[in-house]
Amino acid sequence: MVTKNQYEFALERIEQLLPLVDDNMSANDVNAIELSVLSDLVIAYEKEHYPIGKPTVAELIELSLTEKGMTQKQLAFEIGVSPSRINDYISGRSEPTLKNAGLLCRVLGISPSVMLRV
């Protein structure tokens, strides 16, 4: 088990190693190996102590709209609902029906399993 002190040391050491390692280095380079090992340690510690939850339906829709550069009005037109309904989804006041969830997935490029939070 990694302690908080070890985690903090690893973060500091990673900052020192980053300028020394690039994509052109051999995988056997001592700095590249150390960076890889410390990165794995930091990832394991953060997964245990700072887990990231699954995004909500509202967060998925809002993020996807931003990524696609779409407005709520454009999305509403694409899936055949009112703009206020899209706003309800984003604000968390309501969740889409299964049919609308499928349309949202298709239009926004969201994986259905992610939308269903499985």
N, C-alpha and C. Protein backbone atom coordinates (compact mmCIF):
# COMPACT_ATOMS: atom_id res chain seq x y z
N MET A 1 0.83 -1.18 0.00
CA MET A 1 0.00 0.00 0.00
C MET A 1 0.89 1.25 0.00
N VAL A 2 0.53 2.20 -0.82
CA VAL A 2 1.30 3.42 -0.98
C VAL A 2 0.82 4.45 0.05
N THR A 3 1.75 5.08 0.74
CA THR A 3 1.39 6.10 1.72
C THR A 3 1.26 7.46 1.03
N LYS A 4 0.65 8.40 1.73
CA LYS A 4 0.52 9.75 1.18
C LYS A 4 1.89 10.38 0.94
N ASN A 5 2.84 10.15 1.84
CA ASN A 5 4.20 10.69 1.66
C ASN A 5 4.85 10.11 0.41
N GLN A 6 4.69 8.80 0.19
CA GLN A 6 5.26 8.17 -1.00
C GLN A 6 4.61 8.74 -2.27
N TYR A 7 3.30 8.93 -2.20
CA TYR A 7 2.56 9.50 -3.33
C TYR A 7 3.09 10.91 -3.65
N GLU A 8 3.23 11.74 -2.63
CA GLU A 8 3.72 13.10 -2.83
C GLU A 8 5.16 13.12 -3.36
N PHE A 9 5.98 12.21 -2.86
CA PHE A 9 7.36 12.09 -3.36
C PHE A 9 7.33 11.71 -4.85
N ALA A 10 6.47 10.75 -5.20
CA ALA A 10 6.37 10.30 -6.59
C ALA A 10 5.94 11.45 -7.50
N LEU A 11 4.99 12.27 -7.05
CA LEU A 11 4.55 13.41 -7.85
C LEU A 11 5.71 14.38 -8.10
N GLU A 12 6.47 14.65 -7.06
CA GLU A 12 7.61 15.56 -7.20
C GLU A 12 8.66 14.99 -8.16
N ARG A 13 8.93 13.70 -8.01
CA ARG A 13 9.93 13.05 -8.86
C ARG A 13 9.48 13.02 -10.32
N ILE A 14 8.19 12.81 -10.54
CA ILE A 14 7.64 12.81 -11.91
C ILE A 14 7.88 14.17 -12.55
N GLU A 15 7.65 15.24 -11.80
CA GLU A 15 7.88 16.59 -12.32
C GLU A 15 9.34 16.78 -12.74
N GLN A 16 10.26 16.17 -11.99
CA GLN A 16 11.68 16.26 -12.32
C GLN A 16 12.02 15.43 -13.57
N LEU A 17 11.34 14.30 -13.72
CA LEU A 17 11.66 13.39 -14.83
C LEU A 17 11.03 13.81 -16.15
N LEU A 18 9.89 14.46 -16.12
CA LEU A 18 9.19 14.81 -17.35
C LEU A 18 10.06 15.54 -18.37
N PRO A 19 10.85 16.54 -17.96
CA PRO A 19 11.69 17.21 -18.97
C PRO A 19 12.81 16.32 -19.53
N LEU A 20 13.11 15.24 -18.84
CA LEU A 20 14.22 14.37 -19.24
C LEU A 20 13.80 13.23 -20.17
N VAL A 21 12.50 13.00 -20.27
CA VAL A 21 12.00 11.85 -21.03
C VAL A 21 11.17 12.35 -22.21
N ASP A 22 11.42 11.78 -23.38
CA ASP A 22 10.59 12.09 -24.54
C ASP A 22 10.28 10.83 -25.34
N ASP A 23 9.47 10.96 -26.35
CA ASP A 23 9.01 9.81 -27.14
C ASP A 23 10.13 9.13 -27.92
N ASN A 24 11.24 9.80 -28.13
CA ASN A 24 12.33 9.24 -28.91
C ASN A 24 13.30 8.39 -28.07
N MET A 25 13.08 8.36 -26.76
CA MET A 25 13.99 7.61 -25.88
C MET A 25 13.71 6.11 -25.97
N SER A 26 14.72 5.37 -25.67
CA SER A 26 14.58 3.92 -25.57
C SER A 26 13.72 3.59 -24.36
N ALA A 27 12.91 2.58 -24.48
CA ALA A 27 12.08 2.14 -23.35
C ALA A 27 12.95 1.62 -22.22
N ASN A 28 14.20 1.31 -22.50
CA ASN A 28 15.13 0.81 -21.49
C ASN A 28 15.90 1.92 -20.78
N ASP A 29 15.66 3.17 -21.16
CA ASP A 29 16.34 4.29 -20.51
C ASP A 29 15.92 4.33 -19.04
N VAL A 30 16.87 4.54 -18.16
CA VAL A 30 16.61 4.50 -16.72
C VAL A 30 15.57 5.55 -16.31
N ASN A 31 15.63 6.73 -16.91
CA ASN A 31 14.65 7.77 -16.57
C ASN A 31 13.25 7.40 -17.07
N ALA A 32 13.18 6.80 -18.25
CA ALA A 32 11.89 6.38 -18.80
C ALA A 32 11.27 5.28 -17.93
N ILE A 33 12.10 4.36 -17.48
CA ILE A 33 11.61 3.27 -16.61
C ILE A 33 11.11 3.84 -15.29
N GLU A 34 11.91 4.72 -14.69
CA GLU A 34 11.51 5.31 -13.41
C GLU A 34 10.21 6.10 -13.56
N LEU A 35 10.08 6.86 -14.64
CA LEU A 35 8.87 7.63 -14.88
C LEU A 35 7.66 6.71 -15.01
N SER A 36 7.83 5.61 -15.72
CA SER A 36 6.74 4.66 -15.90
C SER A 36 6.31 4.03 -14.57
N VAL A 37 7.27 3.62 -13.77
CA VAL A 37 6.97 2.99 -12.47
C VAL A 37 6.28 3.99 -11.54
N LEU A 38 6.81 5.20 -11.48
CA LEU A 38 6.21 6.21 -10.60
C LEU A 38 4.82 6.61 -11.08
N SER A 39 4.64 6.67 -12.38
CA SER A 39 3.31 7.00 -12.93
C SER A 39 2.29 5.94 -12.54
N ASP A 40 2.68 4.67 -12.62
CA ASP A 40 1.79 3.58 -12.20
C ASP A 40 1.44 3.69 -10.72
N LEU A 41 2.42 4.05 -9.90
CA LEU A 41 2.20 4.21 -8.47
C LEU A 41 1.20 5.34 -8.20
N VAL A 42 1.38 6.46 -8.88
CA VAL A 42 0.48 7.61 -8.71
C VAL A 42 -0.94 7.25 -9.17
N ILE A 43 -1.05 6.58 -10.29
CA ILE A 43 -2.36 6.18 -10.80
C ILE A 43 -3.07 5.28 -9.80
N ALA A 44 -2.37 4.30 -9.27
CA ALA A 44 -2.96 3.37 -8.29
C ALA A 44 -3.42 4.11 -7.04
N TYR A 45 -2.59 5.02 -6.55
CA TYR A 45 -2.94 5.79 -5.35
C TYR A 45 -4.18 6.65 -5.61
N GLU A 46 -4.22 7.32 -6.76
CA GLU A 46 -5.34 8.20 -7.07
C GLU A 46 -6.64 7.43 -7.30
N LYS A 47 -6.55 6.24 -7.88
CA LYS A 47 -7.75 5.42 -8.06
C LYS A 47 -8.35 5.05 -6.71
N GLU A 48 -7.49 4.78 -5.74
CA GLU A 48 -7.96 4.39 -4.42
C GLU A 48 -8.46 5.58 -3.61
N HIS A 49 -7.75 6.70 -3.67
CA HIS A 49 -8.04 7.82 -2.79
C HIS A 49 -8.84 8.95 -3.43
N TYR A 50 -8.84 9.02 -4.74
CA TYR A 50 -9.56 10.08 -5.45
C TYR A 50 -10.35 9.50 -6.63
N PRO A 51 -11.26 8.57 -6.35
CA PRO A 51 -11.98 7.94 -7.45
C PRO A 51 -12.87 8.95 -8.19
N ILE A 52 -12.98 8.75 -9.48
CA ILE A 52 -13.83 9.60 -10.31
C ILE A 52 -15.11 8.82 -10.60
N GLY A 53 -16.22 9.40 -10.20
CA GLY A 53 -17.52 8.76 -10.42
C GLY A 53 -17.94 8.83 -11.87
N LYS A 54 -18.92 8.03 -12.19
CA LYS A 54 -19.45 8.04 -13.55
C LYS A 54 -20.24 9.33 -13.76
N PRO A 55 -20.15 9.92 -14.95
CA PRO A 55 -20.88 11.17 -15.21
C PRO A 55 -22.39 10.92 -15.23
N THR A 56 -23.13 11.95 -14.84
CA THR A 56 -24.59 11.86 -14.90
C THR A 56 -25.04 12.05 -16.35
N VAL A 57 -26.30 11.74 -16.61
CA VAL A 57 -26.86 11.95 -17.94
C VAL A 57 -26.74 13.44 -18.30
N ALA A 58 -27.04 14.30 -17.34
CA ALA A 58 -26.96 15.75 -17.58
C ALA A 58 -25.54 16.15 -17.97
N GLU A 59 -24.55 15.64 -17.25
CA GLU A 59 -23.15 15.97 -17.56
C GLU A 59 -22.74 15.44 -18.93
N LEU A 60 -23.20 14.24 -19.28
CA LEU A 60 -22.89 13.67 -20.60
C LEU A 60 -23.43 14.54 -21.73
N ILE A 61 -24.68 14.95 -21.57
CA ILE A 61 -25.31 15.76 -22.62
C ILE A 61 -24.60 17.10 -22.74
N GLU A 62 -24.37 17.75 -21.61
CA GLU A 62 -23.73 19.06 -21.63
C GLU A 62 -22.32 19.00 -22.23
N LEU A 63 -21.54 18.02 -21.82
CA LEU A 63 -20.19 17.86 -22.34
C LEU A 63 -20.22 17.57 -23.85
N SER A 64 -21.11 16.70 -24.26
CA SER A 64 -21.20 16.34 -25.68
C SER A 64 -21.62 17.53 -26.53
N LEU A 65 -22.53 18.34 -26.01
CA LEU A 65 -22.93 19.55 -26.74
C LEU A 65 -21.73 20.47 -26.94
N THR A 66 -20.96 20.64 -25.90
CA THR A 66 -19.77 21.50 -25.97
C THR A 66 -18.77 20.93 -26.97
N GLU A 67 -18.51 19.62 -26.89
CA GLU A 67 -17.55 19.00 -27.80
C GLU A 67 -17.97 19.11 -29.26
N LYS A 68 -19.28 19.02 -29.52
CA LYS A 68 -19.78 19.07 -30.89
C LYS A 68 -20.06 20.50 -31.35
N GLY A 69 -20.00 21.45 -30.42
CA GLY A 69 -20.30 22.83 -30.78
C GLY A 69 -21.75 23.05 -31.13
N MET A 70 -22.61 22.25 -30.51
CA MET A 70 -24.06 22.34 -30.78
C MET A 70 -24.74 23.15 -29.69
N THR A 71 -25.86 23.75 -30.04
CA THR A 71 -26.68 24.43 -29.05
C THR A 71 -27.78 23.46 -28.59
N GLN A 72 -28.39 23.81 -27.48
CA GLN A 72 -29.53 23.01 -26.99
C GLN A 72 -30.65 23.02 -28.02
N LYS A 73 -30.84 24.16 -28.67
CA LYS A 73 -31.89 24.28 -29.68
C LYS A 73 -31.63 23.34 -30.86
N GLN A 74 -30.37 23.28 -31.31
CA GLN A 74 -30.02 22.38 -32.42
C GLN A 74 -30.26 20.93 -32.02
N LEU A 75 -29.85 20.57 -30.82
CA LEU A 75 -30.05 19.20 -30.35
C LEU A 75 -31.53 18.88 -30.26
N ALA A 76 -32.31 19.81 -29.75
CA ALA A 76 -33.76 19.60 -29.63
C ALA A 76 -34.36 19.31 -31.01
N PHE A 77 -33.96 20.08 -32.01
CA PHE A 77 -34.44 19.86 -33.36
C PHE A 77 -34.04 18.48 -33.88
N GLU A 78 -32.79 18.09 -33.64
CA GLU A 78 -32.27 16.81 -34.12
C GLU A 78 -33.04 15.61 -33.55
N ILE A 79 -33.45 15.70 -32.28
CA ILE A 79 -34.13 14.53 -31.69
C ILE A 79 -35.64 14.72 -31.59
N GLY A 80 -36.14 15.87 -32.02
CA GLY A 80 -37.58 16.08 -32.09
C GLY A 80 -38.25 16.39 -30.75
N VAL A 81 -37.58 17.14 -29.91
CA VAL A 81 -38.18 17.58 -28.65
C VAL A 81 -38.03 19.09 -28.55
N SER A 82 -38.66 19.68 -27.56
CA SER A 82 -38.55 21.13 -27.38
C SER A 82 -37.21 21.48 -26.74
N PRO A 83 -36.72 22.70 -27.01
CA PRO A 83 -35.49 23.13 -26.34
C PRO A 83 -35.61 23.11 -24.82
N SER A 84 -36.80 23.37 -24.30
CA SER A 84 -36.97 23.35 -22.84
C SER A 84 -36.80 21.93 -22.30
N ARG A 85 -37.12 20.92 -23.10
CA ARG A 85 -36.93 19.53 -22.67
C ARG A 85 -35.44 19.23 -22.55
N ILE A 86 -34.64 19.71 -23.52
CA ILE A 86 -33.19 19.53 -23.45
C ILE A 86 -32.66 20.23 -22.20
N ASN A 87 -33.15 21.43 -21.93
CA ASN A 87 -32.73 22.15 -20.74
C ASN A 87 -33.10 21.37 -19.48
N ASP A 88 -34.26 20.72 -19.48
CA ASP A 88 -34.65 19.88 -18.33
C ASP A 88 -33.66 18.74 -18.13
N TYR A 89 -33.21 18.14 -19.23
CA TYR A 89 -32.24 17.04 -19.14
C TYR A 89 -30.92 17.56 -18.55
N ILE A 90 -30.45 18.70 -19.05
CA ILE A 90 -29.16 19.25 -18.63
C ILE A 90 -29.19 19.74 -17.18
N SER A 91 -30.32 20.28 -16.78
CA SER A 91 -30.43 20.79 -15.41
C SER A 91 -30.69 19.67 -14.40
N GLY A 92 -31.03 18.48 -14.91
CA GLY A 92 -31.33 17.36 -14.03
C GLY A 92 -32.76 17.33 -13.55
N ARG A 93 -33.61 18.21 -14.08
CA ARG A 93 -35.03 18.22 -13.68
C ARG A 93 -35.77 16.98 -14.18
N SER A 94 -35.28 16.42 -15.30
CA SER A 94 -35.87 15.18 -15.80
C SER A 94 -34.82 14.41 -16.58
N GLU A 95 -35.09 13.13 -16.78
CA GLU A 95 -34.19 12.30 -17.58
C GLU A 95 -34.92 11.89 -18.86
N PRO A 96 -34.16 11.66 -19.92
CA PRO A 96 -34.80 11.30 -21.18
C PRO A 96 -35.46 9.92 -21.12
N THR A 97 -36.51 9.78 -21.91
CA THR A 97 -37.12 8.47 -22.07
C THR A 97 -36.10 7.56 -22.75
N LEU A 98 -36.36 6.28 -22.75
CA LEU A 98 -35.44 5.35 -23.40
C LEU A 98 -35.27 5.69 -24.88
N LYS A 99 -36.39 6.04 -25.54
CA LYS A 99 -36.34 6.41 -26.95
C LYS A 99 -35.46 7.65 -27.14
N ASN A 100 -35.69 8.68 -26.33
CA ASN A 100 -34.90 9.91 -26.46
C ASN A 100 -33.45 9.69 -26.06
N ALA A 101 -33.21 8.82 -25.10
CA ALA A 101 -31.84 8.51 -24.72
C ALA A 101 -31.10 7.89 -25.91
N GLY A 102 -31.79 7.00 -26.62
CA GLY A 102 -31.19 6.40 -27.82
C GLY A 102 -30.89 7.44 -28.89
N LEU A 103 -31.80 8.38 -29.08
CA LEU A 103 -31.58 9.45 -30.05
C LEU A 103 -30.42 10.35 -29.62
N LEU A 104 -30.35 10.65 -28.34
CA LEU A 104 -29.24 11.46 -27.83
C LEU A 104 -27.91 10.76 -28.07
N CYS A 105 -27.89 9.47 -27.83
CA CYS A 105 -26.66 8.70 -28.06
C CYS A 105 -26.23 8.78 -29.52
N ARG A 106 -27.19 8.61 -30.41
CA ARG A 106 -26.88 8.63 -31.84
C ARG A 106 -26.41 10.01 -32.28
N VAL A 107 -27.13 11.05 -31.91
CA VAL A 107 -26.81 12.41 -32.36
C VAL A 107 -25.51 12.92 -31.73
N LEU A 108 -25.32 12.63 -30.44
CA LEU A 108 -24.16 13.16 -29.73
C LEU A 108 -22.96 12.23 -29.73
N GLY A 109 -23.13 11.00 -30.24
CA GLY A 109 -22.02 10.06 -30.27
C GLY A 109 -21.66 9.51 -28.91
N ILE A 110 -22.66 9.36 -28.06
CA ILE A 110 -22.45 8.82 -26.71
C ILE A 110 -22.73 7.32 -26.75
N SER A 111 -21.87 6.55 -26.13
CA SER A 111 -22.08 5.11 -26.05
C SER A 111 -23.32 4.84 -25.19
N PRO A 112 -24.24 3.99 -25.66
CA PRO A 112 -25.42 3.67 -24.85
C PRO A 112 -25.08 3.15 -23.46
N SER A 113 -24.02 2.35 -23.34
CA SER A 113 -23.66 1.82 -22.02
C SER A 113 -23.24 2.95 -21.07
N VAL A 114 -22.62 3.99 -21.62
CA VAL A 114 -22.24 5.13 -20.80
C VAL A 114 -23.49 5.91 -20.39
N MET A 115 -24.41 6.10 -21.33
CA MET A 115 -25.65 6.81 -21.04
C MET A 115 -26.46 6.08 -19.96
N LEU A 116 -26.45 4.76 -20.02
CA LEU A 116 -27.20 3.96 -19.04
C LEU A 116 -26.42 3.75 -17.74
N ARG A 117 -25.17 4.24 -17.73
CA ARG A 117 -24.30 4.18 -16.54
C ARG A 117 -24.03 2.76 -16.09
N VAL A 118 -23.79 1.87 -17.09
CA VAL A 118 -23.45 0.47 -16.76
C VAL A 118 -21.98 0.22 -16.95
